[in-house]
């Protein structure tokens, strides 16, 4: 049996956006979005967040109207315009490419930044290792974005491009300016501290990469299937026994060791800012795992083993 679906503005609930006729309960939310986009060209599928209630949670594309109790002759949904969208992959490529090009500008110690004396200043090995570590990290990030990550959400608001690039590019310049400064102060504990930081950074980077590969293998291509992540044959994946998001744990660990290697306050601030943000993401994902999987391991924390 077909019916009518009225779609109202989620912000102005008295504003009828569109009326769709010939609706059946077997239609999915994605199909409804497509029909709205055909008649309302401004509301492309990516801009739509459909809800049963004006302030309710956005409905998943795979949900059917019949499952939502909307298969009667006349039903109502609410739509929120998410604004202009941009692909996640595009944002990731831009935000990670920036630091890869910004940092070397300071590593080369141009006279317009550091003055004429910079040409004659000796460069400490920690500064050279920092350049290699920084470049490796963001080159790895670009590689993962292109070949490893599978994005669950295809788009995000365009403003995120400006916000994310400002964060990554800005911190790249902030950290690089002081680490590459001609007056750079070597690590207090000499070579031991420098190599401790370098080795820890490398291990953490490969740990992060191994977790990303494991997460990719959990989700078959072209699907949104979710499963409980567990350690595989890689010993670096054993961190899954203790936290829900070991990729974030390894990421923070990388920057902790980077900070140890260069003994730099800006690097520490960058590490702390990243830790705060990744903790928020990890706690959200941890809650989702607990909610979605009744048999999810209760002993896992979100990002810091045994603590957080």
C-alpha atoms as a PDB file:
ATOM      1  CA  UNK A   1       0.000   0.000   0.000  1.00  0.00           C
ATOM      2  CA  UNK A   2       1.354   3.424  -0.949  1.00  0.00           C
ATOM      3  CA  UNK A   3       1.002   6.589   1.070  1.00  0.00           C
ATOM      4  CA  UNK A   4       2.070  10.210   1.462  1.00  0.00           C
ATOM      5  CA  UNK A   5       5.189  11.403   3.249  1.00  0.00           C
ATOM      6  CA  UNK A   6       5.393  15.012   4.397  1.00  0.00           C
ATOM      7  CA  UNK A   7       8.884  16.318   5.114  1.00  0.00           C
ATOM      8  CA  UNK A   8       9.195  19.358   7.390  1.00  0.00           C
ATOM      9  CA  UNK A   9      12.132  21.574   8.312  1.00  0.00           C
ATOM     10  CA  UNK A  10      13.668  20.298  11.564  1.00  0.00           C
ATOM     11  CA  UNK A  11      14.463  23.872  12.666  1.00  0.00           C
ATOM     12  CA  UNK A  12      11.143  25.428  11.633  1.00  0.00           C
ATOM     13  CA  UNK A  13       8.676  22.617  12.162  1.00  0.00           C
ATOM     14  CA  UNK A  14       5.786  24.521  10.558  1.00  0.00           C
ATOM     15  CA  UNK A  15       7.711  24.809   7.291  1.00  0.00           C
ATOM     16  CA  UNK A  16       6.709  22.034   4.892  1.00  0.00           C
ATOM     17  CA  UNK A  17       9.686  21.281   2.646  1.00  0.00           C
ATOM     18  CA  UNK A  18       8.140  18.711   0.344  1.00  0.00           C
ATOM     19  CA  UNK A  19       5.339  16.170   0.021  1.00  0.00           C
ATOM     20  CA  UNK A  20       6.221  12.816  -1.488  1.00  0.00           C
ATOM     21  CA  UNK A  21       3.481  10.596  -2.895  1.00  0.00           C
ATOM     22  CA  UNK A  22       3.444   6.899  -3.689  1.00  0.00           C
ATOM     23  CA  UNK A  23       5.574   6.016  -0.672  1.00  0.00           C
ATOM     24  CA  UNK A  24       5.813   2.384   0.435  1.00  0.00           C
ATOM     25  CA  UNK A  25       7.059   0.993   3.729  1.00  0.00           C
ATOM     26  CA  UNK A  26       9.811  -0.946   1.989  1.00  0.00           C
ATOM     27  CA  UNK A  27      11.605   2.235   0.907  1.00  0.00           C
ATOM     28  CA  UNK A  28      14.814   3.130   2.692  1.00  0.00           C
ATOM     29  CA  UNK A  29      15.901   6.481   4.064  1.00  0.00           C
ATOM     30  CA  UNK A  30      18.480   6.668   1.296  1.00  0.00           C
ATOM     31  CA  UNK A  31      15.723   6.274  -1.301  1.00  0.00           C
ATOM     32  CA  UNK A  32      13.742   9.058   0.377  1.00  0.00           C
ATOM     33  CA  UNK A  33      16.812  11.331   0.337  1.00  0.00           C
ATOM     34  CA  UNK A  34      17.221  10.647  -3.357  1.00  0.00           C
ATOM     35  CA  UNK A  35      13.593  11.556  -4.059  1.00  0.00           C
ATOM     36  CA  UNK A  36      13.912  14.778  -2.056  1.00  0.00           C
ATOM     37  CA  UNK A  37      17.106  15.710  -3.911  1.00  0.00           C
ATOM     38  CA  UNK A  38      15.391  15.194  -7.277  1.00  0.00           C
ATOM     39  CA  UNK A  39      12.762  17.799  -6.444  1.00  0.00           C
ATOM     40  CA  UNK A  40      14.807  20.077  -4.177  1.00  0.00           C
ATOM     41  CA  UNK A  41      18.088  20.469  -6.040  1.00  0.00           C
ATOM     42  CA  UNK A  42      19.710  22.449  -3.213  1.00  0.00           C
ATOM     43  CA  UNK A  43      19.125  19.586  -0.769  1.00  0.00           C
ATOM     44  CA  UNK A  44      21.542  17.040  -2.167  1.00  0.00           C
ATOM     45  CA  UNK A  45      21.603  13.659  -0.446  1.00  0.00           C
ATOM     46  CA  UNK A  46      24.758  14.536   1.492  1.00  0.00           C
ATOM     47  CA  UNK A  47      23.156  17.676   2.955  1.00  0.00           C
ATOM     48  CA  UNK A  48      20.124  15.858   4.376  1.00  0.00           C
ATOM     49  CA  UNK A  49      19.753  14.562   7.924  1.00  0.00           C
ATOM     50  CA  UNK A  50      16.311  12.922   8.190  1.00  0.00           C
ATOM     51  CA  UNK A  51      14.713  12.395  11.582  1.00  0.00           C
ATOM     52  CA  UNK A  52      11.488  11.056  13.064  1.00  0.00           C
ATOM     53  CA  UNK A  53      11.438  13.931  15.575  1.00  0.00           C
ATOM     54  CA  UNK A  54      12.720  17.486  14.979  1.00  0.00           C
ATOM     55  CA  UNK A  55      15.513  17.050  17.541  1.00  0.00           C
ATOM     56  CA  UNK A  56      15.893  13.294  17.207  1.00  0.00           C
ATOM     57  CA  UNK A  57      18.909  11.361  15.979  1.00  0.00           C
ATOM     58  CA  UNK A  58      19.618  11.257  12.242  1.00  0.00           C
ATOM     59  CA  UNK A  59      18.265   8.124  10.585  1.00  0.00           C
ATOM     60  CA  UNK A  60      20.591   5.656   8.905  1.00  0.00           C
ATOM     61  CA  UNK A  61      20.442   5.319   5.131  1.00  0.00           C
ATOM     62  CA  UNK A  62      19.651   1.599   5.339  1.00  0.00           C
ATOM     63  CA  UNK A  63      16.645   1.967   7.651  1.00  0.00           C
ATOM     64  CA  UNK A  64      13.238   1.206   6.104  1.00  0.00           C
ATOM     65  CA  UNK A  65      10.138   3.312   6.658  1.00  0.00           C
ATOM     66  CA  UNK A  66       8.228   0.259   7.866  1.00  0.00           C
ATOM     67  CA  UNK A  67      10.809  -0.318  10.600  1.00  0.00           C
ATOM     68  CA  UNK A  68      10.255   3.249  11.771  1.00  0.00           C
ATOM     69  CA  UNK A  69       6.477   2.876  11.907  1.00  0.00           C
ATOM     70  CA  UNK A  70       6.044   5.172   8.908  1.00  0.00           C
ATOM     71  CA  UNK A  71       4.230   2.862   6.506  1.00  0.00           C
ATOM     72  CA  UNK A  72       0.767   4.348   7.054  1.00  0.00           C
ATOM     73  CA  UNK A  73      -1.161   6.366   4.473  1.00  0.00           C
ATOM     74  CA  UNK A  74       0.249   9.655   5.778  1.00  0.00           C
ATOM     75  CA  UNK A  75       3.582   9.947   7.551  1.00  0.00           C
ATOM     76  CA  UNK A  76       5.906  12.738   8.636  1.00  0.00           C
ATOM     77  CA  UNK A  77       9.681  13.148   8.689  1.00  0.00           C
ATOM     78  CA  UNK A  78      11.891  16.111   9.522  1.00  0.00           C
ATOM     79  CA  UNK A  79      14.969  17.157   7.582  1.00  0.00           C
ATOM     80  CA  UNK A  80      17.908  19.267   8.682  1.00  0.00           C
ATOM     81  CA  UNK A  81      20.044  20.934   6.038  1.00  0.00           C
ATOM     82  CA  UNK A  82      23.661  20.152   6.964  1.00  0.00           C
ATOM     83  CA  UNK A  83      24.962  22.826   4.603  1.00  0.00           C
ATOM     84  CA  UNK A  84      27.570  22.499   1.843  1.00  0.00           C
ATOM     85  CA  UNK A  85      29.494  19.241   2.163  1.00  0.00           C
ATOM     86  CA  UNK A  86      32.961  18.032   1.226  1.00  0.00           C
ATOM     87  CA  UNK A  87      34.364  14.513   1.028  1.00  0.00           C
ATOM     88  CA  UNK A  88      36.149  13.232   4.137  1.00  0.00           C
ATOM     89  CA  UNK A  89      39.014  12.012   1.996  1.00  0.00           C
ATOM     90  CA  UNK A  90      39.532  15.462   0.493  1.00  0.00           C
ATOM     91  CA  UNK A  91      39.728  17.053   3.941  1.00  0.00           C
ATOM     92  CA  UNK A  92      42.137  14.401   5.209  1.00  0.00           C
ATOM     93  CA  UNK A  93      44.432  14.785   2.202  1.00  0.00           C
ATOM     94  CA  UNK A  94      44.529  18.567   2.603  1.00  0.00           C
ATOM     95  CA  UNK A  95      45.074  18.629   6.362  1.00  0.00           C
ATOM     96  CA  UNK A  96      47.889  16.052   6.204  1.00  0.00           C
ATOM     97  CA  UNK A  97      49.610  17.447   3.114  1.00  0.00           C
ATOM     98  CA  UNK A  98      50.030  20.857   4.745  1.00  0.00           C
ATOM     99  CA  UNK A  99      52.360  19.801   7.589  1.00  0.00           C
ATOM    100  CA  UNK A 100      54.404  17.764   5.120  1.00  0.00           C
ATOM    101  CA  UNK A 101      55.243  20.957   3.207  1.00  0.00           C
ATOM    102  CA  UNK A 102      55.157  23.548   6.009  1.00  0.00           C
ATOM    103  CA  UNK A 103      57.703  21.849   8.277  1.00  0.00           C
ATOM    104  CA  UNK A 104      60.555  21.711   5.678  1.00  0.00           C
ATOM    105  CA  UNK A 105      60.265  25.484   5.176  1.00  0.00           C
ATOM    106  CA  UNK A 106      61.614  25.917   8.700  1.00  0.00           C
ATOM    107  CA  UNK A 107      64.005  22.979   8.528  1.00  0.00           C
ATOM    108  CA  UNK A 108      65.834  24.710   5.666  1.00  0.00           C
ATOM    109  CA  UNK A 109      66.313  27.701   7.994  1.00  0.00           C
ATOM    110  CA  UNK A 110      65.588  30.477   5.493  1.00  0.00           C
ATOM    111  CA  UNK A 111      67.103  33.845   6.341  1.00  0.00           C
ATOM    112  CA  UNK A 112      63.740  35.625   6.134  1.00  0.00           C
ATOM    113  CA  UNK A 113      62.620  33.620   9.180  1.00  0.00           C
ATOM    114  CA  UNK A 114      65.767  33.172  11.277  1.00  0.00           C
ATOM    115  CA  UNK A 115      68.127  35.831   9.909  1.00  0.00           C
ATOM    116  CA  UNK A 116      71.528  35.639   8.245  1.00  0.00           C
ATOM    117  CA  UNK A 117      73.183  33.885  11.199  1.00  0.00           C
ATOM    118  CA  UNK A 118      71.031  30.788  10.610  1.00  0.00           C
ATOM    119  CA  UNK A 119      73.209  29.776   7.641  1.00  0.00           C
ATOM    120  CA  UNK A 120      76.230  29.202   9.854  1.00  0.00           C
ATOM    121  CA  UNK A 121      74.455  27.551  12.802  1.00  0.00           C
ATOM    122  CA  UNK A 122      75.187  23.864  13.350  1.00  0.00           C
ATOM    123  CA  UNK A 123      72.188  21.522  13.182  1.00  0.00           C
ATOM    124  CA  UNK A 124      71.870  19.034  16.039  1.00  0.00           C
ATOM    125  CA  UNK A 125      71.102  15.376  15.108  1.00  0.00           C
ATOM    126  CA  UNK A 126      67.843  15.614  17.103  1.00  0.00           C
ATOM    127  CA  UNK A 127      66.675  18.321  14.702  1.00  0.00           C
ATOM    128  CA  UNK A 128      67.475  16.118  11.714  1.00  0.00           C
ATOM    129  CA  UNK A 129      65.728  13.105  13.246  1.00  0.00           C
ATOM    130  CA  UNK A 130      62.731  15.303  14.048  1.00  0.00           C
ATOM    131  CA  UNK A 131      62.451  16.340  10.406  1.00  0.00           C
ATOM    132  CA  UNK A 132      62.576  12.715   9.262  1.00  0.00           C
ATOM    133  CA  UNK A 133      60.064  11.617  11.917  1.00  0.00           C
ATOM    134  CA  UNK A 134      57.642  14.437  11.132  1.00  0.00           C
ATOM    135  CA  UNK A 135      57.861  13.794   7.385  1.00  0.00           C
ATOM    136  CA  UNK A 136      57.399  10.042   7.835  1.00  0.00           C
ATOM    137  CA  UNK A 137      54.319  10.542  10.000  1.00  0.00           C
ATOM    138  CA  UNK A 138      52.452  12.740   7.537  1.00  0.00           C
ATOM    139  CA  UNK A 139      53.581  10.760   4.499  1.00  0.00           C
ATOM    140  CA  UNK A 140      52.162   7.710   6.275  1.00  0.00           C
ATOM    141  CA  UNK A 141      48.957   9.613   6.943  1.00  0.00           C
ATOM    142  CA  UNK A 142      48.549  10.434   3.253  1.00  0.00           C
ATOM    143  CA  UNK A 143      49.265   6.822   2.306  1.00  0.00           C
ATOM    144  CA  UNK A 144      46.664   5.553   4.786  1.00  0.00           C
ATOM    145  CA  UNK A 145      44.064   8.035   3.555  1.00  0.00           C
ATOM    146  CA  UNK A 146      44.583   6.968  -0.035  1.00  0.00           C
ATOM    147  CA  UNK A 147      44.976   3.214   0.338  1.00  0.00           C
ATOM    148  CA  UNK A 148      43.854   1.988   3.786  1.00  0.00           C
ATOM    149  CA  UNK A 149      41.027   3.988   5.344  1.00  0.00           C
ATOM    150  CA  UNK A 150      37.420   3.202   4.520  1.00  0.00           C
ATOM    151  CA  UNK A 151      35.268   6.166   5.408  1.00  0.00           C
ATOM    152  CA  UNK A 152      31.940   5.375   7.056  1.00  0.00           C
ATOM    153  CA  UNK A 153      30.633   8.892   6.386  1.00  0.00           C
ATOM    154  CA  UNK A 154      31.220  10.100   2.857  1.00  0.00           C
ATOM    155  CA  UNK A 155      31.095  13.842   3.573  1.00  0.00           C
ATOM    156  CA  UNK A 156      31.481  16.485   6.266  1.00  0.00           C
ATOM    157  CA  UNK A 157      30.659  20.231   6.404  1.00  0.00           C
ATOM    158  CA  UNK A 158      32.925  22.351   4.191  1.00  0.00           C
ATOM    159  CA  UNK A 159      33.910  24.505   7.167  1.00  0.00           C
ATOM    160  CA  UNK A 160      35.783  21.518   8.573  1.00  0.00           C
ATOM    161  CA  UNK A 161      38.336  21.935   5.800  1.00  0.00           C
ATOM    162  CA  UNK A 162      39.282  25.387   7.107  1.00  0.00           C
ATOM    163  CA  UNK A 163      39.143  24.318  10.754  1.00  0.00           C
ATOM    164  CA  UNK A 164      41.190  21.130  10.332  1.00  0.00           C
ATOM    165  CA  UNK A 165      43.786  22.689   8.043  1.00  0.00           C
ATOM    166  CA  UNK A 166      44.210  25.622  10.434  1.00  0.00           C
ATOM    167  CA  UNK A 167      44.893  23.212  13.281  1.00  0.00           C
ATOM    168  CA  UNK A 168      47.391  20.965  11.480  1.00  0.00           C
ATOM    169  CA  UNK A 169      49.120  23.626   9.392  1.00  0.00           C
ATOM    170  CA  UNK A 170      49.283  26.060  12.299  1.00  0.00           C
ATOM    171  CA  UNK A 171      50.782  23.553  14.720  1.00  0.00           C
ATOM    172  CA  UNK A 172      53.233  22.438  12.017  1.00  0.00           C
ATOM    173  CA  UNK A 173      54.594  25.989  11.787  1.00  0.00           C
ATOM    174  CA  UNK A 174      54.561  26.445  15.584  1.00  0.00           C
ATOM    175  CA  UNK A 175      56.472  23.241  16.303  1.00  0.00           C
ATOM    176  CA  UNK A 176      58.834  23.584  13.333  1.00  0.00           C
ATOM    177  CA  UNK A 177      59.824  27.160  14.173  1.00  0.00           C
ATOM    178  CA  UNK A 178      61.219  26.248  17.578  1.00  0.00           C
ATOM    179  CA  UNK A 179      62.625  22.787  16.804  1.00  0.00           C
ATOM    180  CA  UNK A 180      64.548  24.102  13.801  1.00  0.00           C
ATOM    181  CA  UNK A 181      65.630  27.359  15.428  1.00  0.00           C
ATOM    182  CA  UNK A 182      69.402  28.034  15.313  1.00  0.00           C
ATOM    183  CA  UNK A 183      69.310  28.402  19.108  1.00  0.00           C
ATOM    184  CA  UNK A 184      67.741  24.938  19.566  1.00  0.00           C
ATOM    185  CA  UNK A 185      68.699  23.439  22.939  1.00  0.00           C
ATOM    186  CA  UNK A 186      69.790  19.774  22.712  1.00  0.00           C
ATOM    187  CA  UNK A 187      68.041  17.161  24.899  1.00  0.00           C
ATOM    188  CA  UNK A 188      69.198  17.352  28.519  1.00  0.00           C
ATOM    189  CA  UNK A 189      70.175  13.670  28.652  1.00  0.00           C
ATOM    190  CA  UNK A 190      72.010  13.712  25.351  1.00  0.00           C
ATOM    191  CA  UNK A 191      72.023  10.838  22.892  1.00  0.00           C
ATOM    192  CA  UNK A 192      70.196   8.488  25.254  1.00  0.00           C
ATOM    193  CA  UNK A 193      67.142  10.769  25.373  1.00  0.00           C
ATOM    194  CA  UNK A 194      67.300  11.447  21.647  1.00  0.00           C
ATOM    195  CA  UNK A 195      67.463   7.779  20.620  1.00  0.00           C
ATOM    196  CA  UNK A 196      64.884   6.750  23.231  1.00  0.00           C
ATOM    197  CA  UNK A 197      62.466   9.212  21.661  1.00  0.00           C
ATOM    198  CA  UNK A 198      63.332   8.112  18.121  1.00  0.00           C
ATOM    199  CA  UNK A 199      62.915   4.373  18.795  1.00  0.00           C
ATOM    200  CA  UNK A 200      59.674   4.934  20.716  1.00  0.00           C
ATOM    201  CA  UNK A 201      58.345   7.098  17.900  1.00  0.00           C
ATOM    202  CA  UNK A 202      59.092   4.476  15.227  1.00  0.00           C
ATOM    203  CA  UNK A 203      57.486   1.640  17.226  1.00  0.00           C
ATOM    204  CA  UNK A 204      54.398   3.765  17.893  1.00  0.00           C
ATOM    205  CA  UNK A 205      54.081   4.700  14.228  1.00  0.00           C
ATOM    206  CA  UNK A 206      54.125   1.074  13.105  1.00  0.00           C
ATOM    207  CA  UNK A 207      51.696   0.225  15.889  1.00  0.00           C
ATOM    208  CA  UNK A 208      49.331   2.904  14.600  1.00  0.00           C
ATOM    209  CA  UNK A 209      49.668   1.606  11.036  1.00  0.00           C
ATOM    210  CA  UNK A 210      49.003  -2.000  12.097  1.00  0.00           C
ATOM    211  CA  UNK A 211      45.796  -0.975  13.903  1.00  0.00           C
ATOM    212  CA  UNK A 212      44.550   0.929  10.866  1.00  0.00           C
ATOM    213  CA  UNK A 213      45.125  -2.128   8.682  1.00  0.00           C
ATOM    214  CA  UNK A 214      43.304  -4.350  11.187  1.00  0.00           C
ATOM    215  CA  UNK A 215      40.328  -1.953  11.292  1.00  0.00           C
ATOM    216  CA  UNK A 216      40.212  -1.864   7.496  1.00  0.00           C
ATOM    217  CA  UNK A 217      40.036  -5.656   7.365  1.00  0.00           C
ATOM    218  CA  UNK A 218      37.086  -5.632   9.787  1.00  0.00           C
ATOM    219  CA  UNK A 219      34.884  -3.814   7.284  1.00  0.00           C
ATOM    220  CA  UNK A 220      34.357  -5.442   3.872  1.00  0.00           C
ATOM    221  CA  UNK A 221      34.592  -2.980   1.002  1.00  0.00           C
ATOM    222  CA  UNK A 222      31.314  -1.269   0.137  1.00  0.00           C
ATOM    223  CA  UNK A 223      29.622  -2.097   3.447  1.00  0.00           C
ATOM    224  CA  UNK A 224      29.027  -0.457   6.817  1.00  0.00           C
ATOM    225  CA  UNK A 225      29.388  -3.688   8.732  1.00  0.00           C
ATOM    226  CA  UNK A 226      30.795  -3.289  12.232  1.00  0.00           C
ATOM    227  CA  UNK A 227      32.450  -5.994  14.296  1.00  0.00           C
ATOM    228  CA  UNK A 228      34.266  -6.082  17.609  1.00  0.00           C
ATOM    229  CA  UNK A 229      37.965  -5.387  16.909  1.00  0.00           C
ATOM    230  CA  UNK A 230      40.311  -7.958  18.399  1.00  0.00           C
ATOM    231  CA  UNK A 231      44.072  -8.603  18.225  1.00  0.00           C
ATOM    232  CA  UNK A 232      45.311 -10.482  15.186  1.00  0.00           C
ATOM    233  CA  UNK A 233      48.684 -12.155  14.659  1.00  0.00           C
ATOM    234  CA  UNK A 234      50.545  -8.840  14.904  1.00  0.00           C
ATOM    235  CA  UNK A 235      51.889  -8.367  18.482  1.00  0.00           C
ATOM    236  CA  UNK A 236      51.345  -4.608  18.151  1.00  0.00           C
ATOM    237  CA  UNK A 237      47.601  -5.286  17.966  1.00  0.00           C
ATOM    238  CA  UNK A 238      47.583  -6.778  21.488  1.00  0.00           C
ATOM    239  CA  UNK A 239      46.726  -3.311  22.767  1.00  0.00           C
ATOM    240  CA  UNK A 240      43.137  -4.128  21.763  1.00  0.00           C
ATOM    241  CA  UNK A 241      43.026  -6.266  24.914  1.00  0.00           C
ATOM    242  CA  UNK A 242      43.169  -3.073  26.957  1.00  0.00           C
ATOM    243  CA  UNK A 243      41.659  -0.191  24.947  1.00  0.00           C
ATOM    244  CA  UNK A 244      38.968   0.300  22.319  1.00  0.00           C
ATOM    245  CA  UNK A 245      41.001   2.727  20.202  1.00  0.00           C
ATOM    246  CA  UNK A 246      44.666   1.665  20.198  1.00  0.00           C
ATOM    247  CA  UNK A 247      45.197   3.659  17.001  1.00  0.00           C
ATOM    248  CA  UNK A 248      44.723   6.799  19.105  1.00  0.00           C
ATOM    249  CA  UNK A 249      46.888   5.358  21.882  1.00  0.00           C
ATOM    250  CA  UNK A 250      49.741   4.780  19.431  1.00  0.00           C
ATOM    251  CA  UNK A 251      49.195   8.222  17.883  1.00  0.00           C
ATOM    252  CA  UNK A 252      49.547   9.960  21.236  1.00  0.00           C
ATOM    253  CA  UNK A 253      52.509   7.739  22.072  1.00  0.00           C
ATOM    254  CA  UNK A 254      54.234   8.799  18.841  1.00  0.00           C
ATOM    255  CA  UNK A 255      54.050  12.461  19.790  1.00  0.00           C
ATOM    256  CA  UNK A 256      55.081  11.814  23.383  1.00  0.00           C
ATOM    257  CA  UNK A 257      58.277  10.188  22.111  1.00  0.00           C
ATOM    258  CA  UNK A 258      58.725  12.955  19.534  1.00  0.00           C
ATOM    259  CA  UNK A 259      58.541  15.470  22.386  1.00  0.00           C
ATOM    260  CA  UNK A 260      61.097  13.471  24.371  1.00  0.00           C
ATOM    261  CA  UNK A 261      63.420  13.407  21.363  1.00  0.00           C
ATOM    262  CA  UNK A 262      63.386  17.163  20.756  1.00  0.00           C
ATOM    263  CA  UNK A 263      62.614  18.368  24.304  1.00  0.00           C
ATOM    264  CA  UNK A 264      60.381  21.139  22.968  1.00  0.00           C
ATOM    265  CA  UNK A 265      57.491  22.910  24.677  1.00  0.00           C
ATOM    266  CA  UNK A 266      55.567  23.542  21.408  1.00  0.00           C
ATOM    267  CA  UNK A 267      55.812  19.808  20.638  1.00  0.00           C
ATOM    268  CA  UNK A 268      54.419  19.063  24.099  1.00  0.00           C
ATOM    269  CA  UNK A 269      51.515  21.467  23.558  1.00  0.00           C
ATOM    270  CA  UNK A 270      50.778  19.811  20.215  1.00  0.00           C
ATOM    271  CA  UNK A 271      50.805  16.414  21.954  1.00  0.00           C
ATOM    272  CA  UNK A 272      48.457  17.592  24.714  1.00  0.00           C
ATOM    273  CA  UNK A 273      46.019  19.157  22.233  1.00  0.00           C
ATOM    274  CA  UNK A 274      45.961  15.947  20.212  1.00  0.00           C
ATOM    275  CA  UNK A 275      45.483  13.827  23.329  1.00  0.00           C
ATOM    276  CA  UNK A 276      42.467  15.866  24.444  1.00  0.00           C
ATOM    277  CA  UNK A 277      40.793  15.610  21.038  1.00  0.00           C
ATOM    278  CA  UNK A 278      41.563  11.914  20.564  1.00  0.00           C
ATOM    279  CA  UNK A 279      40.296  11.154  24.064  1.00  0.00           C
ATOM    280  CA  UNK A 280      36.945  12.709  23.132  1.00  0.00           C
ATOM    281  CA  UNK A 281      36.795  10.626  19.942  1.00  0.00           C
ATOM    282  CA  UNK A 282      37.900   7.450  21.727  1.00  0.00           C
ATOM    283  CA  UNK A 283      35.336   7.803  24.506  1.00  0.00           C
ATOM    284  CA  UNK A 284      32.579   8.296  21.940  1.00  0.00           C
ATOM    285  CA  UNK A 285      33.602   5.195  20.012  1.00  0.00           C
ATOM    286  CA  UNK A 286      33.987   3.231  23.240  1.00  0.00           C
ATOM    287  CA  UNK A 287      30.422   4.105  24.269  1.00  0.00           C
ATOM    288  CA  UNK A 288      29.146   3.098  20.829  1.00  0.00           C
ATOM    289  CA  UNK A 289      30.904  -0.277  21.070  1.00  0.00           C
ATOM    290  CA  UNK A 290      29.365  -0.946  24.495  1.00  0.00           C
ATOM    291  CA  UNK A 291      25.925   0.040  23.243  1.00  0.00           C
ATOM    292  CA  UNK A 292      26.084  -1.886  19.983  1.00  0.00           C
ATOM    293  CA  UNK A 293      27.692  -5.136  21.191  1.00  0.00           C
ATOM    294  CA  UNK A 294      26.258  -6.749  24.376  1.00  0.00           C
ATOM    295  CA  UNK A 295      29.296  -9.052  24.562  1.00  0.00           C
ATOM    296  CA  UNK A 296      31.850  -6.247  24.212  1.00  0.00           C
ATOM    297  CA  UNK A 297      34.824  -6.743  26.598  1.00  0.00           C
ATOM    298  CA  UNK A 298      34.012  -4.835  29.789  1.00  0.00           C
ATOM    299  CA  UNK A 299      37.636  -4.548  30.885  1.00  0.00           C
ATOM    300  CA  UNK A 300      38.649  -2.323  27.988  1.00  0.00           C
ATOM    301  CA  UNK A 301      39.179   1.395  28.484  1.00  0.00           C
ATOM    302  CA  UNK A 302      38.851   3.977  25.713  1.00  0.00           C
ATOM    303  CA  UNK A 303      42.417   5.136  25.089  1.00  0.00           C
ATOM    304  CA  UNK A 304      44.681   4.742  28.155  1.00  0.00           C
ATOM    305  CA  UNK A 305      45.003   1.155  29.494  1.00  0.00           C
ATOM    306  CA  UNK A 306      43.493   0.670  32.965  1.00  0.00           C
ATOM    307  CA  UNK A 307      42.870   4.430  33.352  1.00  0.00           C
ATOM    308  CA  UNK A 308      40.779   6.215  30.713  1.00  0.00           C
END
